[in-house]
Amino acid sequence: MSDESPRITADDVSKVATLARLILTDDELATATAELAAMLDHFADIDALDLDDVEPMLQPTPLANVMRDDVVGVTLDRDEVLGQAPLAEDGRFRVPPIVGIEE
């Protein structure tokens, strides 16, 4: 790196970690700072490329929807399936509530 100030400092990484509610050890902070600095250097290399004549890509690979015909087939009998359930009510599975239960 040249004489310019670093793109990211340990203080920057520490602040972002705090905002993300992450607790980093000194070693983790040093590693994260080095890795993020390397990423920013790589992004700077990409920014330096002359891409004026390059058409933007929407997808890196061609996409095609894979669709099949909607064909009615053999299905399980509702009463038979519900008969296997521990609890059934009004033609549906009955399950215990899970929202709002404190453990």
PDB file of N, CA and C in Angstrom:
ATOM      1  N   MET A   1       0.844  -1.168   0.000  1.00  0.00           N
ATOM      2  CA  MET A   1       0.000   0.000   0.000  1.00  0.00           C
ATOM      3  C   MET A   1       0.896   1.239   0.000  1.00  0.00           C
ATOM      4  N   SER A   2       0.460   2.313  -0.576  1.00  0.00           N
ATOM      5  CA  SER A   2       1.255   3.531  -0.674  1.00  0.00           C
ATOM      6  C   SER A   2       1.141   4.354   0.595  1.00  0.00           C
ATOM      7  N   ASP A   3       1.549   5.625   0.522  1.00  0.00           N
ATOM      8  CA  ASP A   3       1.543   6.506   1.683  1.00  0.00           C
ATOM      9  C   ASP A   3       0.144   6.974   2.079  1.00  0.00           C
ATOM     10  N   GLU A   4      -0.861   6.648   1.289  1.00  0.00           N
ATOM     11  CA  GLU A   4      -2.212   7.094   1.622  1.00  0.00           C
ATOM     12  C   GLU A   4      -2.709   6.386   2.878  1.00  0.00           C
ATOM     13  N   SER A   5      -3.695   6.980   3.528  1.00  0.00           N
ATOM     14  CA  SER A   5      -4.232   6.377   4.743  1.00  0.00           C
ATOM     15  C   SER A   5      -4.985   5.103   4.373  1.00  0.00           C
ATOM     16  N   PRO A   6      -5.085   4.170   5.314  1.00  0.00           N
ATOM     17  CA  PRO A   6      -5.767   2.902   4.999  1.00  0.00           C
ATOM     18  C   PRO A   6      -7.238   3.140   4.679  1.00  0.00           C
ATOM     19  N   ARG A   7      -7.779   2.273   3.817  1.00  0.00           N
ATOM     20  CA  ARG A   7      -9.190   2.398   3.430  1.00  0.00           C
ATOM     21  C   ARG A   7     -10.113   2.099   4.606  1.00  0.00           C
ATOM     22  N   ILE A   8      -9.680   1.211   5.482  1.00  0.00           N
ATOM     23  CA  ILE A   8     -10.502   0.831   6.625  1.00  0.00           C
ATOM     24  C   ILE A   8      -9.582   0.586   7.812  1.00  0.00           C
ATOM     25  N   THR A   9     -10.019   1.020   8.961  1.00  0.00           N
ATOM     26  CA  THR A   9      -9.208   0.872  10.173  1.00  0.00           C
ATOM     27  C   THR A   9      -9.868  -0.114  11.123  1.00  0.00           C
ATOM     28  N   ALA A  10      -9.123  -0.527  12.113  1.00  0.00           N
ATOM     29  CA  ALA A  10      -9.677  -1.413  13.141  1.00  0.00           C
ATOM     30  C   ALA A  10     -10.821  -0.722  13.873  1.00  0.00           C
ATOM     31  N   ASP A  11     -10.719   0.603  14.037  1.00  0.00           N
ATOM     32  CA  ASP A  11     -11.818   1.344  14.679  1.00  0.00           C
ATOM     33  C   ASP A  11     -13.095   1.274  13.841  1.00  0.00           C
ATOM     34  N   ASP A  12     -12.936   1.368  12.509  1.00  0.00           N
ATOM     35  CA  ASP A  12     -14.102   1.254  11.625  1.00  0.00           C
ATOM     36  C   ASP A  12     -14.762  -0.123  11.776  1.00  0.00           C
ATOM     37  N   VAL A  13     -13.925  -1.156  11.750  1.00  0.00           N
ATOM     38  CA  VAL A  13     -14.444  -2.520  11.859  1.00  0.00           C
ATOM     39  C   VAL A  13     -15.077  -2.738  13.230  1.00  0.00           C
ATOM     40  N   SER A  14     -14.471  -2.225  14.260  1.00  0.00           N
ATOM     41  CA  SER A  14     -15.011  -2.352  15.614  1.00  0.00           C
ATOM     42  C   SER A  14     -16.370  -1.677  15.723  1.00  0.00           C
ATOM     43  N   LYS A  15     -16.502  -0.499  15.110  1.00  0.00           N
ATOM     44  CA  LYS A  15     -17.783   0.221  15.154  1.00  0.00           C
ATOM     45  C   LYS A  15     -18.872  -0.567  14.436  1.00  0.00           C
ATOM     46  N   VAL A  16     -18.542  -1.096  13.245  1.00  0.00           N
ATOM     47  CA  VAL A  16     -19.527  -1.875  12.499  1.00  0.00           C
ATOM     48  C   VAL A  16     -19.885  -3.155  13.255  1.00  0.00           C
ATOM     49  N   ALA A  17     -18.887  -3.787  13.863  1.00  0.00           N
ATOM     50  CA  ALA A  17     -19.149  -4.994  14.650  1.00  0.00           C
ATOM     51  C   ALA A  17     -20.088  -4.681  15.812  1.00  0.00           C
ATOM     52  N   THR A  18     -19.871  -3.552  16.449  1.00  0.00           N
ATOM     53  CA  THR A  18     -20.750  -3.148  17.558  1.00  0.00           C
ATOM     54  C   THR A  18     -22.170  -2.924  17.062  1.00  0.00           C
ATOM     55  N   LEU A  19     -22.306  -2.254  15.915  1.00  0.00           N
ATOM     56  CA  LEU A  19     -23.641  -2.021  15.348  1.00  0.00           C
ATOM     57  C   LEU A  19     -24.324  -3.330  14.982  1.00  0.00           C
ATOM     58  N   ALA A  20     -23.519  -4.319  14.570  1.00  0.00           N
ATOM     59  CA  ALA A  20     -24.064  -5.633  14.216  1.00  0.00           C
ATOM     60  C   ALA A  20     -24.199  -6.539  15.438  1.00  0.00           C
ATOM     61  N   ARG A  21     -23.890  -5.976  16.597  1.00  0.00           N
ATOM     62  CA  ARG A  21     -23.958  -6.710  17.865  1.00  0.00           C
ATOM     63  C   ARG A  21     -23.053  -7.940  17.863  1.00  0.00           C
ATOM     64  N   LEU A  22     -21.853  -7.738  17.307  1.00  0.00           N
ATOM     65  CA  LEU A  22     -20.843  -8.793  17.305  1.00  0.00           C
ATOM     66  C   LEU A  22     -19.768  -8.432  18.310  1.00  0.00           C
ATOM     67  N   ILE A  23     -19.293  -9.418  19.004  1.00  0.00           N
ATOM     68  CA  ILE A  23     -18.188  -9.216  19.934  1.00  0.00           C
ATOM     69  C   ILE A  23     -16.972  -9.899  19.317  1.00  0.00           C
ATOM     70  N   LEU A  24     -15.955  -9.092  18.961  1.00  0.00           N
ATOM     71  CA  LEU A  24     -14.762  -9.620  18.331  1.00  0.00           C
ATOM     72  C   LEU A  24     -13.583  -9.555  19.287  1.00  0.00           C
ATOM     73  N   THR A  25     -12.803 -10.631  19.301  1.00  0.00           N
ATOM     74  CA  THR A  25     -11.559 -10.593  20.062  1.00  0.00           C
ATOM     75  C   THR A  25     -10.570  -9.728  19.287  1.00  0.00           C
ATOM     76  N   ASP A  26      -9.446  -9.399  19.901  1.00  0.00           N
ATOM     77  CA  ASP A  26      -8.434  -8.594  19.221  1.00  0.00           C
ATOM     78  C   ASP A  26      -7.935  -9.298  17.966  1.00  0.00           C
ATOM     79  N   ASP A  27      -7.746 -10.618  18.045  1.00  0.00           N
ATOM     80  CA  ASP A  27      -7.299 -11.375  16.868  1.00  0.00           C
ATOM     81  C   ASP A  27      -8.351 -11.355  15.762  1.00  0.00           C
ATOM     82  N   GLU A  28      -9.617 -11.541  16.134  1.00  0.00           N
ATOM     83  CA  GLU A  28     -10.700 -11.510  15.152  1.00  0.00           C
ATOM     84  C   GLU A  28     -10.821 -10.126  14.522  1.00  0.00           C
ATOM     85  N   LEU A  29     -10.644  -9.088  15.339  1.00  0.00           N
ATOM     86  CA  LEU A  29     -10.710  -7.724  14.828  1.00  0.00           C
ATOM     87  C   LEU A  29      -9.583  -7.480  13.822  1.00  0.00           C
ATOM     88  N   ALA A  30      -8.392  -7.938  14.132  1.00  0.00           N
ATOM     89  CA  ALA A  30      -7.259  -7.769  13.218  1.00  0.00           C
ATOM     90  C   ALA A  30      -7.496  -8.537  11.918  1.00  0.00           C
ATOM     91  N   THR A  31      -7.998  -9.763  12.031  1.00  0.00           N
ATOM     92  CA  THR A  31      -8.274 -10.578  10.846  1.00  0.00           C
ATOM     93  C   THR A  31      -9.355  -9.929   9.985  1.00  0.00           C
ATOM     94  N   ALA A  32     -10.442  -9.505  10.620  1.00  0.00           N
ATOM     95  CA  ALA A  32     -11.544  -8.879   9.878  1.00  0.00           C
ATOM     96  C   ALA A  32     -11.083  -7.594   9.202  1.00  0.00           C
ATOM     97  N   THR A  33     -10.263  -6.813   9.882  1.00  0.00           N
ATOM     98  CA  THR A  33      -9.760  -5.563   9.303  1.00  0.00           C
ATOM     99  C   THR A  33      -8.907  -5.862   8.078  1.00  0.00           C
ATOM    100  N   ALA A  34      -8.023  -6.845   8.176  1.00  0.00           N
ATOM    101  CA  ALA A  34      -7.168  -7.208   7.042  1.00  0.00           C
ATOM    102  C   ALA A  34      -7.991  -7.741   5.876  1.00  0.00           C
ATOM    103  N   GLU A  35      -8.964  -8.585   6.165  1.00  0.00           N
ATOM    104  CA  GLU A  35      -9.790  -9.159   5.102  1.00  0.00           C
ATOM    105  C   GLU A  35     -10.637  -8.092   4.424  1.00  0.00           C
ATOM    106  N   LEU A  36     -11.231  -7.200   5.205  1.00  0.00           N
ATOM    107  CA  LEU A  36     -12.041  -6.138   4.613  1.00  0.00           C
ATOM    108  C   LEU A  36     -11.176  -5.167   3.817  1.00  0.00           C
ATOM    109  N   ALA A  37      -9.965  -4.877   4.290  1.00  0.00           N
ATOM    110  CA  ALA A  37      -9.051  -4.005   3.549  1.00  0.00           C
ATOM    111  C   ALA A  37      -8.687  -4.645   2.215  1.00  0.00           C
ATOM    112  N   ALA A  38      -8.448  -5.962   2.218  1.00  0.00           N
ATOM    113  CA  ALA A  38      -8.134  -6.666   0.971  1.00  0.00           C
ATOM    114  C   ALA A  38      -9.319  -6.617   0.007  1.00  0.00           C
ATOM    115  N   MET A  39     -10.527  -6.746   0.536  1.00  0.00           N
ATOM    116  CA  MET A  39     -11.717  -6.660  -0.312  1.00  0.00           C
ATOM    117  C   MET A  39     -11.836  -5.266  -0.918  1.00  0.00           C
ATOM    118  N   LEU A  40     -11.624  -4.240  -0.116  1.00  0.00           N
ATOM    119  CA  LEU A  40     -11.722  -2.874  -0.627  1.00  0.00           C
ATOM    120  C   LEU A  40     -10.644  -2.599  -1.671  1.00  0.00           C
ATOM    121  N   ASP A  41      -9.452  -3.149  -1.477  1.00  0.00           N
ATOM    122  CA  ASP A  41      -8.402  -3.015  -2.483  1.00  0.00           C
ATOM    123  C   ASP A  41      -8.826  -3.684  -3.793  1.00  0.00           C
ATOM    124  N   HIS A  42      -9.443  -4.848  -3.680  1.00  0.00           N
ATOM    125  CA  HIS A  42      -9.925  -5.556  -4.870  1.00  0.00           C
ATOM    126  C   HIS A  42     -11.015  -4.736  -5.571  1.00  0.00           C
ATOM    127  N   PHE A  43     -11.926  -4.160  -4.797  1.00  0.00           N
ATOM    128  CA  PHE A  43     -12.977  -3.326  -5.385  1.00  0.00           C
ATOM    129  C   PHE A  43     -12.369  -2.114  -6.079  1.00  0.00           C
ATOM    130  N   ALA A  44     -11.310  -1.556  -5.513  1.00  0.00           N
ATOM    131  CA  ALA A  44     -10.629  -0.414  -6.135  1.00  0.00           C
ATOM    132  C   ALA A  44     -10.016  -0.840  -7.469  1.00  0.00           C
ATOM    133  N   ASP A  45      -9.462  -2.062  -7.526  1.00  0.00           N
ATOM    134  CA  ASP A  45      -8.923  -2.578  -8.787  1.00  0.00           C
ATOM    135  C   ASP A  45     -10.023  -2.677  -9.837  1.00  0.00           C
ATOM    136  N   ILE A  46     -11.200  -3.139  -9.426  1.00  0.00           N
ATOM    137  CA  ILE A  46     -12.328  -3.254 -10.354  1.00  0.00           C
ATOM    138  C   ILE A  46     -12.770  -1.863 -10.797  1.00  0.00           C
ATOM    139  N   ASP A  47     -12.851  -0.918  -9.862  1.00  0.00           N
ATOM    140  CA  ASP A  47     -13.244   0.451 -10.205  1.00  0.00           C
ATOM    141  C   ASP A  47     -12.277   1.084 -11.205  1.00  0.00           C
ATOM    142  N   ALA A  48     -11.012   0.677 -11.180  1.00  0.00           N
ATOM    143  CA  ALA A  48     -10.005   1.268 -12.060  1.00  0.00           C
ATOM    144  C   ALA A  48     -10.116   0.743 -13.492  1.00  0.00           C
ATOM    145  N   LEU A  49     -10.862  -0.329 -13.728  1.00  0.00           N
ATOM    146  CA  LEU A  49     -10.993  -0.897 -15.063  1.00  0.00           C
ATOM    147  C   LEU A  49     -11.810   0.027 -15.959  1.00  0.00           C
ATOM    148  N   ASP A  50     -11.439   0.078 -17.240  1.00  0.00           N
ATOM    149  CA  ASP A  50     -12.198   0.855 -18.222  1.00  0.00           C
ATOM    150  C   ASP A  50     -13.318  -0.042 -18.753  1.00  0.00           C
ATOM    151  N   LEU A  51     -14.500   0.187 -18.289  1.00  0.00           N
ATOM    152  CA  LEU A  51     -15.641  -0.654 -18.644  1.00  0.00           C
ATOM    153  C   LEU A  51     -16.696   0.110 -19.435  1.00  0.00           C
ATOM    154  N   ASP A  52     -16.288   1.215 -20.043  1.00  0.00           N
ATOM    155  CA  ASP A  52     -17.252   2.049 -20.765  1.00  0.00           C
ATOM    156  C   ASP A  52     -17.927   1.305 -21.914  1.00  0.00           C
ATOM    157  N   ASP A  53     -17.203   0.413 -22.588  1.00  0.00           N
ATOM    158  CA  ASP A  53     -17.759  -0.292 -23.743  1.00  0.00           C
ATOM    159  C   ASP A  53     -18.329  -1.659 -23.385  1.00  0.00           C
ATOM    160  N   VAL A  54     -18.433  -1.962 -22.102  1.00  0.00           N
ATOM    161  CA  VAL A  54     -18.945  -3.264 -21.672  1.00  0.00           C
ATOM    162  C   VAL A  54     -20.423  -3.121 -21.334  1.00  0.00           C
ATOM    163  N   GLU A  55     -21.230  -3.949 -21.967  1.00  0.00           N
ATOM    164  CA  GLU A  55     -22.670  -3.911 -21.706  1.00  0.00           C
ATOM    165  C   GLU A  55     -22.969  -4.554 -20.358  1.00  0.00           C
ATOM    166  N   PRO A  56     -23.781  -3.911 -19.539  1.00  0.00           N
ATOM    167  CA  PRO A  56     -24.098  -4.482 -18.219  1.00  0.00           C
ATOM    168  C   PRO A  56     -24.819  -5.825 -18.352  1.00  0.00           C
ATOM    169  N   MET A  57     -24.533  -6.718 -17.414  1.00  0.00           N
ATOM    170  CA  MET A  57     -25.172  -8.031 -17.377  1.00  0.00           C
ATOM    171  C   MET A  57     -26.274  -8.021 -16.317  1.00  0.00           C
ATOM    172  N   LEU A  58     -27.373  -8.643 -16.623  1.00  0.00           N
ATOM    173  CA  LEU A  58     -28.420  -8.822 -15.629  1.00  0.00           C
ATOM    174  C   LEU A  58     -28.214 -10.119 -14.864  1.00  0.00           C
ATOM    175  N   GLN A  59     -27.700 -11.134 -15.539  1.00  0.00           N
ATOM    176  CA  GLN A  59     -27.452 -12.440 -14.931  1.00  0.00           C
ATOM    177  C   GLN A  59     -26.135 -12.976 -15.478  1.00  0.00           C
ATOM    178  N   PRO A  60     -25.337 -13.649 -14.650  1.00  0.00           N
ATOM    179  CA  PRO A  60     -24.089 -14.214 -15.168  1.00  0.00           C
ATOM    180  C   PRO A  60     -24.305 -15.448 -16.036  1.00  0.00           C
ATOM    181  N   THR A  61     -25.438 -16.087 -15.884  1.00  0.00           N
ATOM    182  CA  THR A  61     -25.753 -17.262 -16.700  1.00  0.00           C
ATOM    183  C   THR A  61     -27.144 -17.081 -17.278  1.00  0.00           C
ATOM    184  N   PRO A  62     -27.397 -17.650 -18.445  1.00  0.00           N
ATOM    185  CA  PRO A  62     -28.742 -17.522 -19.020  1.00  0.00           C
ATOM    186  C   PRO A  62     -29.766 -18.257 -18.154  1.00  0.00           C
ATOM    187  N   LEU A  63     -30.909 -17.650 -17.998  1.00  0.00           N
ATOM    188  CA  LEU A  63     -31.977 -18.254 -17.200  1.00  0.00           C
ATOM    189  C   LEU A  63     -33.104 -18.728 -18.104  1.00  0.00           C
ATOM    190  N   ALA A  64     -33.688 -19.820 -17.737  1.00  0.00           N
ATOM    191  CA  ALA A  64     -34.868 -20.308 -18.433  1.00  0.00           C
ATOM    192  C   ALA A  64     -35.789 -20.920 -17.385  1.00  0.00           C
ATOM    193  N   ASN A  65     -37.046 -20.533 -17.443  1.00  0.00           N
ATOM    194  CA  ASN A  65     -38.010 -21.127 -16.528  1.00  0.00           C
ATOM    195  C   ASN A  65     -38.242 -22.577 -16.925  1.00  0.00           C
ATOM    196  N   VAL A  66     -38.199 -23.446 -15.959  1.00  0.00           N
ATOM    197  CA  VAL A  66     -38.478 -24.854 -16.209  1.00  0.00           C
ATOM    198  C   VAL A  66     -39.888 -25.102 -15.712  1.00  0.00           C
ATOM    199  N   MET A  67     -40.769 -25.224 -16.644  1.00  0.00           N
ATOM    200  CA  MET A  67     -42.172 -25.397 -16.290  1.00  0.00           C
ATOM    201  C   MET A  67     -42.647 -26.736 -16.839  1.00  0.00           C
ATOM    202  N   ARG A  68     -43.604 -27.299 -16.162  1.00  0.00           N
ATOM    203  CA  ARG A  68     -44.210 -28.526 -16.657  1.00  0.00           C
ATOM    204  C   ARG A  68     -45.704 -28.290 -16.744  1.00  0.00           C
ATOM    205  N   ASP A  69     -46.361 -29.100 -17.523  1.00  0.00           N
ATOM    206  CA  ASP A  69     -47.804 -28.996 -17.628  1.00  0.00           C
ATOM    207  C   ASP A  69     -48.427 -29.351 -16.290  1.00  0.00           C
ATOM    208  N   ASP A  70     -49.485 -28.654 -15.945  1.00  0.00           N
ATOM    209  CA  ASP A  70     -50.208 -28.918 -14.713  1.00  0.00           C
ATOM    210  C   ASP A  70     -51.214 -30.032 -15.008  1.00  0.00           C
ATOM    211  N   VAL A  71     -50.821 -31.251 -14.666  1.00  0.00           N
ATOM    212  CA  VAL A  71     -51.640 -32.416 -14.979  1.00  0.00           C
ATOM    213  C   VAL A  71     -52.204 -32.981 -13.686  1.00  0.00           C
ATOM    214  N   VAL A  72     -53.495 -33.221 -13.684  1.00  0.00           N
ATOM    215  CA  VAL A  72     -54.135 -33.830 -12.521  1.00  0.00           C
ATOM    216  C   VAL A  72     -53.699 -35.276 -12.438  1.00  0.00           C
ATOM    217  N   GLY A  73     -53.241 -35.655 -11.260  1.00  0.00           N
ATOM    218  CA  GLY A  73     -52.777 -37.024 -11.079  1.00  0.00           C
ATOM    219  C   GLY A  73     -53.450 -37.669  -9.884  1.00  0.00           C
ATOM    220  N   VAL A  74     -52.993 -38.845  -9.553  1.00  0.00           N
ATOM    221  CA  VAL A  74     -53.522 -39.575  -8.413  1.00  0.00           C
ATOM    222  C   VAL A  74     -53.044 -38.891  -7.139  1.00  0.00           C
ATOM    223  N   THR A  75     -53.965 -38.652  -6.222  1.00  0.00           N
ATOM    224  CA  THR A  75     -53.603 -38.031  -4.948  1.00  0.00           C
ATOM    225  C   THR A  75     -54.067 -38.915  -3.800  1.00  0.00           C
ATOM    226  N   LEU A  76     -53.580 -38.582  -2.634  1.00  0.00           N
ATOM    227  CA  LEU A  76     -53.990 -39.319  -1.447  1.00  0.00           C
ATOM    228  C   LEU A  76     -55.398 -38.917  -1.046  1.00  0.00           C
ATOM    229  N   ASP A  77     -56.114 -39.844  -0.448  1.00  0.00           N
ATOM    230  CA  ASP A  77     -57.455 -39.579   0.040  1.00  0.00           C
ATOM    231  C   ASP A  77     -57.361 -38.734   1.308  1.00  0.00           C
ATOM    232  N   ARG A  78     -58.085 -37.611   1.338  1.00  0.00           N
ATOM    233  CA  ARG A  78     -58.017 -36.679   2.467  1.00  0.00           C
ATOM    234  C   ARG A  78     -58.390 -37.361   3.787  1.00  0.00           C
ATOM    235  N   ASP A  79     -59.460 -38.095   3.793  1.00  0.00           N
ATOM    236  CA  ASP A  79     -59.891 -38.743   5.040  1.00  0.00           C
ATOM    237  C   ASP A  79     -58.866 -39.760   5.526  1.00  0.00           C
ATOM    238  N   GLU A  80     -58.232 -40.468   4.598  1.00  0.00           N
ATOM    239  CA  GLU A  80     -57.218 -41.444   4.969  1.00  0.00           C
ATOM    240  C   GLU A  80     -55.997 -40.744   5.584  1.00  0.00           C
ATOM    241  N   VAL A  81     -55.588 -39.641   4.979  1.00  0.00           N
ATOM    242  CA  VAL A  81     -54.434 -38.893   5.493  1.00  0.00           C
ATOM    243  C   VAL A  81     -54.757 -38.299   6.855  1.00  0.00           C
ATOM    244  N   LEU A  82     -55.899 -37.646   6.965  1.00  0.00           N
ATOM    245  CA  LEU A  82     -56.275 -37.043   8.245  1.00  0.00           C
ATOM    246  C   LEU A  82     -56.500 -38.103   9.316  1.00  0.00           C
ATOM    247  N   GLY A  83     -56.857 -39.302   8.905  1.00  0.00           N
ATOM    248  CA  GLY A  83     -57.036 -40.394   9.859  1.00  0.00           C
ATOM    249  C   GLY A  83     -55.716 -40.810  10.503  1.00  0.00           C
ATOM    250  N   GLN A  84     -54.604 -40.508   9.866  1.00  0.00           N
ATOM    251  CA  GLN A  84     -53.287 -40.838  10.399  1.00  0.00           C
ATOM    252  C   GLN A  84     -52.754 -39.745  11.334  1.00  0.00           C
ATOM    253  N   ALA A  85     -53.399 -38.591  11.337  1.00  0.00           N
ATOM    254  CA  ALA A  85     -52.926 -37.461  12.140  1.00  0.00           C
ATOM    255  C   ALA A  85     -53.340 -37.636  13.594  1.00  0.00           C
ATOM    256  N   PRO A  86     -52.510 -37.154  14.538  1.00  0.00           N
ATOM    257  CA  PRO A  86     -52.889 -37.229  15.942  1.00  0.00           C
ATOM    258  C   PRO A  86     -54.165 -36.443  16.229  1.00  0.00           C
ATOM    259  N   LEU A  87     -54.299 -35.286  15.581  1.00  0.00           N
ATOM    260  CA  LEU A  87     -55.499 -34.462  15.744  1.00  0.00           C
ATOM    261  C   LEU A  87     -55.915 -33.904  14.398  1.00  0.00           C
ATOM    262  N   ALA A  88     -57.211 -33.966  14.099  1.00  0.00           N
ATOM    263  CA  ALA A  88     -57.753 -33.369  12.881  1.00  0.00           C
ATOM    264  C   ALA A  88     -59.057 -32.688  13.250  1.00  0.00           C
ATOM    265  N   GLU A  89     -59.323 -31.573  12.560  1.00  0.00           N
ATOM    266  CA  GLU A  89     -60.531 -30.814  12.859  1.00  0.00           C
ATOM    267  C   GLU A  89     -60.987 -30.091  11.595  1.00  0.00           C
ATOM    268  N   ASP A  90     -62.249 -30.211  11.242  1.00  0.00           N
ATOM    269  CA  ASP A  90     -62.835 -29.540  10.080  1.00  0.00           C
ATOM    270  C   ASP A  90     -62.062 -29.826   8.789  1.00  0.00           C
ATOM    271  N   GLY A  91     -61.604 -31.057   8.614  1.00  0.00           N
ATOM    272  CA  GLY A  91     -60.903 -31.425   7.397  1.00  0.00           C
ATOM    273  C   GLY A  91     -59.482 -30.914   7.301  1.00  0.00           C
ATOM    274  N   ARG A  92     -58.896 -30.512   8.442  1.00  0.00           N
ATOM    275  CA  ARG A  92     -57.519 -30.005   8.456  1.00  0.00           C
ATOM    276  C   ARG A  92     -56.771 -30.619   9.621  1.00  0.00           C
ATOM    277  N   PHE A  93     -55.432 -30.544   9.537  1.00  0.00           N
ATOM    278  CA  PHE A  93     -54.606 -30.970  10.655  1.00  0.00           C
ATOM    279  C   PHE A  93     -54.760 -29.971  11.785  1.00  0.00           C
ATOM    280  N   ARG A  94     -54.850 -30.460  12.991  1.00  0.00           N
ATOM    281  CA  ARG A  94     -54.882 -29.591  14.178  1.00  0.00           C
ATOM    282  C   ARG A  94     -53.510 -29.680  14.829  1.00  0.00           C
ATOM    283  N   VAL A  95     -52.851 -28.517  14.990  1.00  0.00           N
ATOM    284  CA  VAL A  95     -51.526 -28.484  15.591  1.00  0.00           C
ATOM    285  C   VAL A  95     -51.552 -27.532  16.760  1.00  0.00           C
ATOM    286  N   PRO A  96     -50.684 -27.749  17.740  1.00  0.00           N
ATOM    287  CA  PRO A  96     -50.666 -26.843  18.886  1.00  0.00           C
ATOM    288  C   PRO A  96     -50.117 -25.472  18.475  1.00  0.00           C
ATOM    289  N   PRO A  97     -50.590 -24.411  19.123  1.00  0.00           N
ATOM    290  CA  PRO A  97     -50.088 -23.078  18.781  1.00  0.00           C
ATOM    291  C   PRO A  97     -48.623 -22.942  19.220  1.00  0.00           C
ATOM    292  N   ILE A  98     -47.856 -22.190  18.444  1.00  0.00           N
ATOM    293  CA  ILE A  98     -46.455 -21.987  18.807  1.00  0.00           C
ATOM    294  C   ILE A  98     -46.118 -20.517  18.974  1.00  0.00           C
ATOM    295  N   VAL A  99     -46.923 -19.616  18.422  1.00  0.00           N
ATOM    296  CA  VAL A  99     -46.657 -18.186  18.518  1.00  0.00           C
ATOM    297  C   VAL A  99     -47.155 -17.688  19.873  1.00  0.00           C
ATOM    298  N   GLY A 100     -46.320 -16.945  20.548  1.00  0.00           N
ATOM    299  CA  GLY A 100     -46.731 -16.353  21.811  1.00  0.00           C
ATOM    300  C   GLY A 100     -46.482 -17.220  23.031  1.00  0.00           C
ATOM    301  N   ILE A 101     -45.938 -18.404  22.825  1.00  0.00           N
ATOM    302  CA  ILE A 101     -45.653 -19.276  23.955  1.00  0.00           C
ATOM    303  C   ILE A 101     -44.268 -18.948  24.473  1.00  0.00           C
ATOM    304  N   GLU A 102     -44.197 -18.623  25.747  1.00  0.00           N
ATOM    305  CA  GLU A 102     -42.912 -18.305  26.389  1.00  0.00           C
ATOM    306  C   GLU A 102     -42.365 -19.581  27.021  1.00  0.00           C
ATOM    307  N   GLU A 103     -41.072 -19.795  26.846  1.00  0.00           N
ATOM    308  CA  GLU A 103     -40.459 -20.974  27.483  1.00  0.00           C
ATOM    309  C   GLU A 103     -39.671 -20.553  28.672  1.00  0.00           C
TER     310      GLU A 103
END
